[in-house]
Amino acid sequence: MTRFRTTIDIQAPPERVWAALRDIEHWPAWTPTVTKVRLLDPGPAAVGTRAIVRQPKLPSACWQITEFAEGRSFTWIKRSPGVLVTGRHCVEGTANGSRATLSLDFSGPLGSFITRLTRGLNKGYLTLEARGLKKHAEAGVRPQVSKR
């Protein structure tokens, strides 16, 4: 398994950072690494929620939430032939606001091969996502939570 991970401190309350992370449909508003998200399941994000995510330079992918801790974190997976990608999104409070940790794990028979091919893209995307989340949360924008 190969992991990509980034952590960023955000001068905003954890509730605001969490609101942005859990509102998956609105990620394109704050990160250039996601151009479109379409939820396949009604209701707020929870274990089992699936979403089709479009990203530049990558094929559309169906992600499914496998772990969900309200206010703190969620994990989702994407399966492809020979590869399992696990994405984690965590928020914790700090003395000055919040700390967000974003990571991607690649496993499976082709995981190492895909990791070598996409190393630069994955590192760059995680950095852009963390910076976008920080800017969005610190601006005080309250994302609109979908009421599907």
N, C-alpha and C. Protein backbone atom coordinates (compact mmCIF):
# COMPACT_ATOMS: atom_id res chain seq x y z
N MET A 1 0.85 -1.18 0.00
CA MET A 1 0.00 0.00 0.00
C MET A 1 0.90 1.24 0.00
N THR A 2 0.46 2.25 -0.73
CA THR A 2 1.17 3.51 -0.79
C THR A 2 0.22 4.62 -0.37
N ARG A 3 0.73 5.51 0.48
CA ARG A 3 -0.11 6.59 1.02
C ARG A 3 0.44 7.95 0.62
N PHE A 4 -0.50 8.82 0.26
CA PHE A 4 -0.23 10.23 0.07
C PHE A 4 -1.01 10.94 1.16
N ARG A 5 -0.37 11.94 1.80
CA ARG A 5 -1.05 12.60 2.93
C ARG A 5 -0.59 14.05 3.03
N THR A 6 -1.55 14.91 3.38
CA THR A 6 -1.22 16.29 3.66
C THR A 6 -2.05 16.77 4.84
N THR A 7 -1.44 17.63 5.65
CA THR A 7 -2.11 18.20 6.81
C THR A 7 -1.97 19.72 6.72
N ILE A 8 -3.03 20.43 7.07
CA ILE A 8 -3.00 21.89 7.01
C ILE A 8 -3.73 22.47 8.22
N ASP A 9 -3.16 23.52 8.79
CA ASP A 9 -3.81 24.24 9.88
C ASP A 9 -4.71 25.32 9.29
N ILE A 10 -5.90 25.44 9.84
CA ILE A 10 -6.92 26.36 9.32
C ILE A 10 -7.42 27.22 10.48
N GLN A 11 -7.42 28.53 10.28
CA GLN A 11 -7.90 29.44 11.32
C GLN A 11 -9.41 29.63 11.17
N ALA A 12 -10.11 28.56 11.46
CA ALA A 12 -11.57 28.53 11.43
C ALA A 12 -12.00 27.40 12.35
N PRO A 13 -13.20 27.51 12.92
CA PRO A 13 -13.65 26.44 13.83
C PRO A 13 -13.83 25.11 13.09
N PRO A 14 -13.60 24.01 13.80
CA PRO A 14 -13.73 22.69 13.16
C PRO A 14 -15.11 22.48 12.52
N GLU A 15 -16.15 23.07 13.10
CA GLU A 15 -17.50 22.90 12.55
C GLU A 15 -17.58 23.46 11.12
N ARG A 16 -16.92 24.57 10.88
CA ARG A 16 -16.95 25.18 9.55
C ARG A 16 -16.15 24.35 8.54
N VAL A 17 -15.01 23.85 8.98
CA VAL A 17 -14.19 23.01 8.10
C VAL A 17 -14.94 21.72 7.78
N TRP A 18 -15.54 21.12 8.80
CA TRP A 18 -16.30 19.89 8.62
C TRP A 18 -17.48 20.10 7.67
N ALA A 19 -18.17 21.23 7.82
CA ALA A 19 -19.32 21.52 6.95
C ALA A 19 -18.90 21.52 5.48
N ALA A 20 -17.74 22.08 5.19
CA ALA A 20 -17.25 22.11 3.81
C ALA A 20 -16.88 20.71 3.33
N LEU A 21 -16.22 19.93 4.17
CA LEU A 21 -15.82 18.58 3.77
C LEU A 21 -17.01 17.66 3.54
N ARG A 22 -17.99 17.69 4.43
CA ARG A 22 -19.11 16.75 4.32
C ARG A 22 -20.07 17.12 3.20
N ASP A 23 -20.02 18.37 2.73
CA ASP A 23 -20.90 18.82 1.64
C ASP A 23 -20.23 18.53 0.30
N ILE A 24 -20.12 17.26 0.00
CA ILE A 24 -19.36 16.76 -1.15
C ILE A 24 -19.80 17.40 -2.47
N GLU A 25 -21.09 17.59 -2.64
CA GLU A 25 -21.60 18.15 -3.90
C GLU A 25 -21.04 19.53 -4.21
N HIS A 26 -20.64 20.27 -3.18
CA HIS A 26 -20.17 21.63 -3.40
C HIS A 26 -18.64 21.77 -3.39
N TRP A 27 -17.93 20.66 -3.42
CA TRP A 27 -16.47 20.73 -3.49
C TRP A 27 -15.97 21.53 -4.69
N PRO A 28 -16.61 21.44 -5.86
CA PRO A 28 -16.11 22.22 -6.99
C PRO A 28 -16.06 23.74 -6.72
N ALA A 29 -16.81 24.22 -5.73
CA ALA A 29 -16.80 25.65 -5.41
C ALA A 29 -15.51 26.07 -4.72
N TRP A 30 -14.78 25.14 -4.11
CA TRP A 30 -13.58 25.54 -3.38
C TRP A 30 -12.30 24.80 -3.75
N THR A 31 -12.38 23.79 -4.61
CA THR A 31 -11.16 23.13 -5.05
C THR A 31 -11.16 22.92 -6.56
N PRO A 32 -10.05 23.30 -7.23
CA PRO A 32 -9.97 23.11 -8.68
C PRO A 32 -9.74 21.65 -9.07
N THR A 33 -9.54 20.77 -8.08
CA THR A 33 -9.27 19.37 -8.37
C THR A 33 -10.53 18.55 -8.57
N VAL A 34 -11.68 19.17 -8.34
CA VAL A 34 -12.97 18.49 -8.54
C VAL A 34 -13.83 19.41 -9.39
N THR A 35 -14.24 18.92 -10.56
CA THR A 35 -15.05 19.75 -11.45
C THR A 35 -16.54 19.49 -11.34
N LYS A 36 -16.91 18.28 -10.89
CA LYS A 36 -18.33 17.97 -10.75
C LYS A 36 -18.50 16.79 -9.81
N VAL A 37 -19.56 16.87 -9.00
CA VAL A 37 -19.92 15.76 -8.11
C VAL A 37 -21.42 15.54 -8.26
N ARG A 38 -21.78 14.28 -8.43
CA ARG A 38 -23.20 13.92 -8.48
C ARG A 38 -23.45 12.81 -7.47
N LEU A 39 -24.24 13.15 -6.44
CA LEU A 39 -24.59 12.14 -5.44
C LEU A 39 -25.56 11.14 -6.04
N LEU A 40 -25.34 9.86 -5.76
CA LEU A 40 -26.22 8.81 -6.26
C LEU A 40 -27.26 8.39 -5.23
N ASP A 41 -27.07 8.86 -4.00
CA ASP A 41 -27.97 8.48 -2.92
C ASP A 41 -28.54 9.74 -2.27
N PRO A 42 -29.84 9.74 -1.93
CA PRO A 42 -30.44 10.93 -1.31
C PRO A 42 -29.99 11.09 0.14
N GLY A 43 -30.12 12.32 0.63
CA GLY A 43 -29.82 12.60 2.03
C GLY A 43 -28.40 13.07 2.24
N PRO A 44 -28.10 13.42 3.48
CA PRO A 44 -26.75 13.90 3.80
C PRO A 44 -25.74 12.75 3.73
N ALA A 45 -24.47 13.11 3.65
CA ALA A 45 -23.41 12.12 3.59
C ALA A 45 -23.47 11.20 4.80
N ALA A 46 -23.29 9.89 4.55
CA ALA A 46 -23.32 8.86 5.59
C ALA A 46 -22.69 7.60 5.03
N VAL A 47 -22.47 6.62 5.88
CA VAL A 47 -21.94 5.34 5.40
C VAL A 47 -22.87 4.82 4.30
N GLY A 48 -22.28 4.41 3.20
CA GLY A 48 -23.04 3.91 2.07
C GLY A 48 -23.28 4.94 0.98
N THR A 49 -23.18 6.23 1.29
CA THR A 49 -23.39 7.26 0.28
C THR A 49 -22.39 7.08 -0.84
N ARG A 50 -22.91 7.17 -2.08
CA ARG A 50 -22.07 7.05 -3.27
C ARG A 50 -22.13 8.35 -4.06
N ALA A 51 -21.02 8.67 -4.72
CA ALA A 51 -20.96 9.89 -5.53
C ALA A 51 -20.07 9.64 -6.74
N ILE A 52 -20.50 10.19 -7.87
CA ILE A 52 -19.67 10.20 -9.07
C ILE A 52 -18.88 11.50 -9.03
N VAL A 53 -17.55 11.38 -9.05
CA VAL A 53 -16.67 12.53 -8.95
C VAL A 53 -15.88 12.67 -10.25
N ARG A 54 -15.92 13.88 -10.81
CA ARG A 54 -15.14 14.19 -12.02
C ARG A 54 -13.99 15.08 -11.61
N GLN A 55 -12.79 14.71 -12.07
CA GLN A 55 -11.59 15.46 -11.78
C GLN A 55 -10.77 15.63 -13.05
N PRO A 56 -10.10 16.78 -13.18
CA PRO A 56 -9.25 16.97 -14.36
C PRO A 56 -8.17 15.88 -14.42
N LYS A 57 -7.88 15.40 -15.61
CA LYS A 57 -6.82 14.42 -15.88
C LYS A 57 -7.12 13.02 -15.36
N LEU A 58 -8.33 12.79 -14.83
CA LEU A 58 -8.71 11.48 -14.32
C LEU A 58 -10.07 11.09 -14.86
N PRO A 59 -10.32 9.80 -15.05
CA PRO A 59 -11.67 9.39 -15.46
C PRO A 59 -12.66 9.59 -14.31
N SER A 60 -13.93 9.77 -14.65
CA SER A 60 -14.97 9.86 -13.62
C SER A 60 -14.90 8.61 -12.76
N ALA A 61 -15.17 8.77 -11.47
CA ALA A 61 -15.08 7.63 -10.56
C ALA A 61 -16.23 7.64 -9.58
N CYS A 62 -16.66 6.45 -9.20
CA CYS A 62 -17.69 6.30 -8.18
C CYS A 62 -17.01 6.02 -6.85
N TRP A 63 -17.22 6.92 -5.89
CA TRP A 63 -16.68 6.79 -4.54
C TRP A 63 -17.82 6.43 -3.60
N GLN A 64 -17.54 5.59 -2.62
CA GLN A 64 -18.56 5.20 -1.64
C GLN A 64 -18.00 5.36 -0.23
N ILE A 65 -18.77 6.04 0.62
CA ILE A 65 -18.35 6.26 2.00
C ILE A 65 -18.46 4.95 2.78
N THR A 66 -17.35 4.59 3.46
CA THR A 66 -17.29 3.35 4.23
C THR A 66 -17.21 3.60 5.73
N GLU A 67 -16.76 4.78 6.13
CA GLU A 67 -16.69 5.16 7.54
C GLU A 67 -17.10 6.61 7.66
N PHE A 68 -17.83 6.93 8.72
CA PHE A 68 -18.32 8.29 8.89
C PHE A 68 -18.43 8.61 10.37
N ALA A 69 -17.70 9.61 10.83
CA ALA A 69 -17.75 10.06 12.22
C ALA A 69 -18.18 11.53 12.18
N GLU A 70 -19.44 11.79 12.44
CA GLU A 70 -20.01 13.14 12.35
C GLU A 70 -19.12 14.16 13.06
N GLY A 71 -18.81 15.22 12.33
CA GLY A 71 -18.03 16.31 12.88
C GLY A 71 -16.53 16.09 12.88
N ARG A 72 -16.09 14.87 12.49
CA ARG A 72 -14.66 14.56 12.58
C ARG A 72 -14.03 14.01 11.32
N SER A 73 -14.66 13.02 10.70
CA SER A 73 -13.97 12.37 9.58
C SER A 73 -14.91 11.53 8.74
N PHE A 74 -14.48 11.29 7.51
CA PHE A 74 -15.11 10.25 6.71
C PHE A 74 -14.07 9.63 5.79
N THR A 75 -14.32 8.38 5.46
CA THR A 75 -13.46 7.61 4.58
C THR A 75 -14.33 7.10 3.45
N TRP A 76 -13.78 7.17 2.24
CA TRP A 76 -14.50 6.58 1.12
C TRP A 76 -13.53 5.84 0.23
N ILE A 77 -14.08 4.94 -0.60
CA ILE A 77 -13.25 4.10 -1.46
C ILE A 77 -13.71 4.20 -2.90
N LYS A 78 -12.74 3.90 -3.77
CA LYS A 78 -13.00 3.80 -5.21
C LYS A 78 -12.30 2.54 -5.68
N ARG A 79 -13.06 1.68 -6.33
CA ARG A 79 -12.48 0.43 -6.84
C ARG A 79 -12.31 0.53 -8.35
N SER A 80 -11.16 0.05 -8.80
CA SER A 80 -10.87 -0.11 -10.23
C SER A 80 -10.25 -1.48 -10.38
N PRO A 81 -10.21 -2.03 -11.59
CA PRO A 81 -9.58 -3.34 -11.75
C PRO A 81 -8.15 -3.33 -11.20
N GLY A 82 -7.91 -4.15 -10.18
CA GLY A 82 -6.59 -4.29 -9.60
C GLY A 82 -6.17 -3.22 -8.60
N VAL A 83 -7.04 -2.23 -8.35
CA VAL A 83 -6.67 -1.14 -7.46
C VAL A 83 -7.84 -0.74 -6.56
N LEU A 84 -7.52 -0.52 -5.30
CA LEU A 84 -8.48 0.05 -4.36
C LEU A 84 -7.87 1.35 -3.86
N VAL A 85 -8.59 2.46 -4.04
CA VAL A 85 -8.13 3.75 -3.55
C VAL A 85 -9.02 4.12 -2.36
N THR A 86 -8.40 4.46 -1.25
CA THR A 86 -9.10 4.86 -0.04
C THR A 86 -8.75 6.31 0.26
N GLY A 87 -9.77 7.16 0.33
CA GLY A 87 -9.57 8.57 0.66
C GLY A 87 -10.08 8.86 2.06
N ARG A 88 -9.28 9.57 2.85
CA ARG A 88 -9.68 9.93 4.21
C ARG A 88 -9.66 11.44 4.36
N HIS A 89 -10.65 11.96 5.08
CA HIS A 89 -10.80 13.40 5.32
C HIS A 89 -11.07 13.58 6.80
N CYS A 90 -10.13 14.19 7.51
CA CYS A 90 -10.25 14.33 8.97
C CYS A 90 -10.10 15.78 9.40
N VAL A 91 -10.86 16.16 10.42
CA VAL A 91 -10.79 17.51 11.00
C VAL A 91 -10.68 17.36 12.50
N GLU A 92 -9.78 18.13 13.10
CA GLU A 92 -9.67 18.17 14.56
C GLU A 92 -9.49 19.62 14.99
N GLY A 93 -9.95 19.91 16.18
CA GLY A 93 -9.79 21.25 16.72
C GLY A 93 -8.37 21.47 17.22
N THR A 94 -7.91 22.72 17.12
CA THR A 94 -6.61 23.13 17.64
C THR A 94 -6.80 24.41 18.45
N ALA A 95 -5.75 24.87 19.08
CA ALA A 95 -5.82 26.11 19.87
C ALA A 95 -6.19 27.31 19.00
N ASN A 96 -5.80 27.27 17.72
CA ASN A 96 -6.05 28.41 16.82
C ASN A 96 -7.13 28.13 15.78
N GLY A 97 -7.84 27.05 15.91
CA GLY A 97 -8.88 26.74 14.93
C GLY A 97 -9.00 25.26 14.68
N SER A 98 -8.45 24.82 13.52
CA SER A 98 -8.61 23.43 13.10
C SER A 98 -7.36 22.92 12.40
N ARG A 99 -7.31 21.62 12.30
CA ARG A 99 -6.29 20.96 11.49
C ARG A 99 -7.03 19.94 10.62
N ALA A 100 -6.79 20.01 9.33
CA ALA A 100 -7.40 19.05 8.39
C ALA A 100 -6.31 18.15 7.84
N THR A 101 -6.62 16.86 7.77
CA THR A 101 -5.70 15.89 7.19
C THR A 101 -6.44 15.17 6.08
N LEU A 102 -5.84 15.17 4.90
CA LEU A 102 -6.40 14.53 3.72
C LEU A 102 -5.40 13.47 3.27
N SER A 103 -5.88 12.28 2.94
CA SER A 103 -4.96 11.24 2.50
C SER A 103 -5.60 10.33 1.46
N LEU A 104 -4.74 9.69 0.69
CA LEU A 104 -5.13 8.69 -0.30
C LEU A 104 -4.23 7.48 -0.12
N ASP A 105 -4.82 6.30 -0.04
CA ASP A 105 -4.09 5.04 0.03
C ASP A 105 -4.40 4.22 -1.21
N PHE A 106 -3.38 3.66 -1.82
CA PHE A 106 -3.54 2.80 -2.99
C PHE A 106 -3.13 1.39 -2.60
N SER A 107 -4.01 0.42 -2.84
CA SER A 107 -3.69 -0.97 -2.55
C SER A 107 -4.20 -1.84 -3.68
N GLY A 108 -3.91 -3.12 -3.59
CA GLY A 108 -4.32 -4.07 -4.62
C GLY A 108 -3.15 -4.44 -5.51
N PRO A 109 -3.35 -5.43 -6.37
CA PRO A 109 -2.26 -5.93 -7.22
C PRO A 109 -1.61 -4.86 -8.09
N LEU A 110 -2.37 -3.87 -8.53
CA LEU A 110 -1.82 -2.81 -9.38
C LEU A 110 -1.61 -1.49 -8.63
N GLY A 111 -1.82 -1.51 -7.32
CA GLY A 111 -1.72 -0.28 -6.53
C GLY A 111 -0.37 0.41 -6.65
N SER A 112 0.72 -0.34 -6.52
CA SER A 112 2.06 0.26 -6.60
C SER A 112 2.32 0.84 -7.98
N PHE A 113 1.91 0.12 -9.01
CA PHE A 113 2.10 0.59 -10.39
C PHE A 113 1.34 1.90 -10.62
N ILE A 114 0.07 1.94 -10.24
CA ILE A 114 -0.73 3.16 -10.41
C ILE A 114 -0.15 4.31 -9.59
N THR A 115 0.34 4.00 -8.40
CA THR A 115 0.95 5.02 -7.55
C THR A 115 2.14 5.67 -8.25
N ARG A 116 2.99 4.85 -8.86
CA ARG A 116 4.16 5.40 -9.57
C ARG A 116 3.72 6.29 -10.73
N LEU A 117 2.68 5.89 -11.43
CA LEU A 117 2.20 6.67 -12.57
C LEU A 117 1.58 8.01 -12.17
N THR A 118 0.95 8.03 -11.01
CA THR A 118 0.16 9.22 -10.62
C THR A 118 0.71 9.95 -9.41
N ARG A 119 1.93 9.66 -9.00
CA ARG A 119 2.52 10.25 -7.79
C ARG A 119 2.43 11.78 -7.79
N GLY A 120 2.91 12.43 -8.83
CA GLY A 120 2.91 13.89 -8.89
C GLY A 120 1.50 14.46 -8.87
N LEU A 121 0.61 13.84 -9.61
CA LEU A 121 -0.78 14.30 -9.67
C LEU A 121 -1.44 14.19 -8.29
N ASN A 122 -1.25 13.06 -7.64
CA ASN A 122 -1.87 12.87 -6.31
C ASN A 122 -1.33 13.84 -5.28
N LYS A 123 -0.02 14.03 -5.24
CA LYS A 123 0.56 14.99 -4.29
C LYS A 123 0.04 16.40 -4.58
N GLY A 124 0.03 16.76 -5.85
CA GLY A 124 -0.45 18.10 -6.23
C GLY A 124 -1.91 18.31 -5.91
N TYR A 125 -2.74 17.31 -6.19
CA TYR A 125 -4.17 17.44 -5.91
C TYR A 125 -4.45 17.56 -4.41
N LEU A 126 -3.77 16.76 -3.59
CA LEU A 126 -4.00 16.86 -2.15
C LEU A 126 -3.59 18.24 -1.62
N THR A 127 -2.49 18.76 -2.13
CA THR A 127 -2.05 20.10 -1.71
C THR A 127 -3.06 21.16 -2.12
N LEU A 128 -3.54 21.10 -3.37
CA LEU A 128 -4.54 22.06 -3.84
C LEU A 128 -5.84 21.95 -3.05
N GLU A 129 -6.27 20.73 -2.75
CA GLU A 129 -7.50 20.54 -1.98
C GLU A 129 -7.36 21.11 -0.58
N ALA A 130 -6.22 20.87 0.07
CA ALA A 130 -6.01 21.39 1.42
C ALA A 130 -5.99 22.93 1.41
N ARG A 131 -5.30 23.50 0.46
CA ARG A 131 -5.25 24.97 0.36
C ARG A 131 -6.62 25.56 0.06
N GLY A 132 -7.36 24.91 -0.82
CA GLY A 132 -8.71 25.39 -1.14
C GLY A 132 -9.64 25.32 0.05
N LEU A 133 -9.54 24.23 0.80
CA LEU A 133 -10.36 24.06 2.01
C LEU A 133 -10.01 25.14 3.02
N LYS A 134 -8.74 25.42 3.21
CA LYS A 134 -8.28 26.45 4.14
C LYS A 134 -8.83 27.82 3.74
N LYS A 135 -8.67 28.17 2.49
CA LYS A 135 -9.14 29.47 2.00
C LYS A 135 -10.66 29.60 2.17
N HIS A 136 -11.36 28.55 1.81
CA HIS A 136 -12.83 28.54 1.89
C HIS A 136 -13.30 28.68 3.33
N ALA A 137 -12.73 27.89 4.23
CA ALA A 137 -13.16 27.91 5.63
C ALA A 137 -12.77 29.22 6.31
N GLU A 138 -11.60 29.73 6.01
CA GLU A 138 -11.15 30.98 6.64
C GLU A 138 -11.92 32.19 6.13
N ALA A 139 -12.50 32.08 4.94
CA ALA A 139 -13.30 33.17 4.39
C ALA A 139 -14.65 33.27 5.09
N GLY A 140 -14.97 32.24 5.85
CA GLY A 140 -16.23 32.26 6.60
C GLY A 140 -17.44 31.92 5.78
N VAL A 141 -17.23 31.38 4.60
CA VAL A 141 -18.35 31.00 3.74
C VAL A 141 -19.00 29.76 4.32
N ARG A 142 -20.27 29.85 4.55
CA ARG A 142 -21.02 28.67 5.03
C ARG A 142 -21.56 27.94 3.82
N PRO A 143 -21.06 26.73 3.55
CA PRO A 143 -21.56 26.00 2.39
C PRO A 143 -23.02 25.62 2.56
N GLN A 144 -23.70 25.55 1.44
CA GLN A 144 -25.09 25.13 1.46
C GLN A 144 -25.12 23.62 1.49
N VAL A 145 -25.72 23.06 2.50
CA VAL A 145 -25.81 21.61 2.60
C VAL A 145 -27.00 21.16 1.78
N SER A 146 -26.73 20.22 0.90
CA SER A 146 -27.80 19.71 0.04
C SER A 146 -28.90 19.05 0.87
N LYS A 147 -30.14 19.33 0.53
CA LYS A 147 -31.30 18.76 1.26
C LYS A 147 -32.00 17.74 0.40
N ARG A 148 -31.24 16.86 -0.23
CA ARG A 148 -31.80 15.87 -1.14
C ARG A 148 -32.72 14.93 -0.45
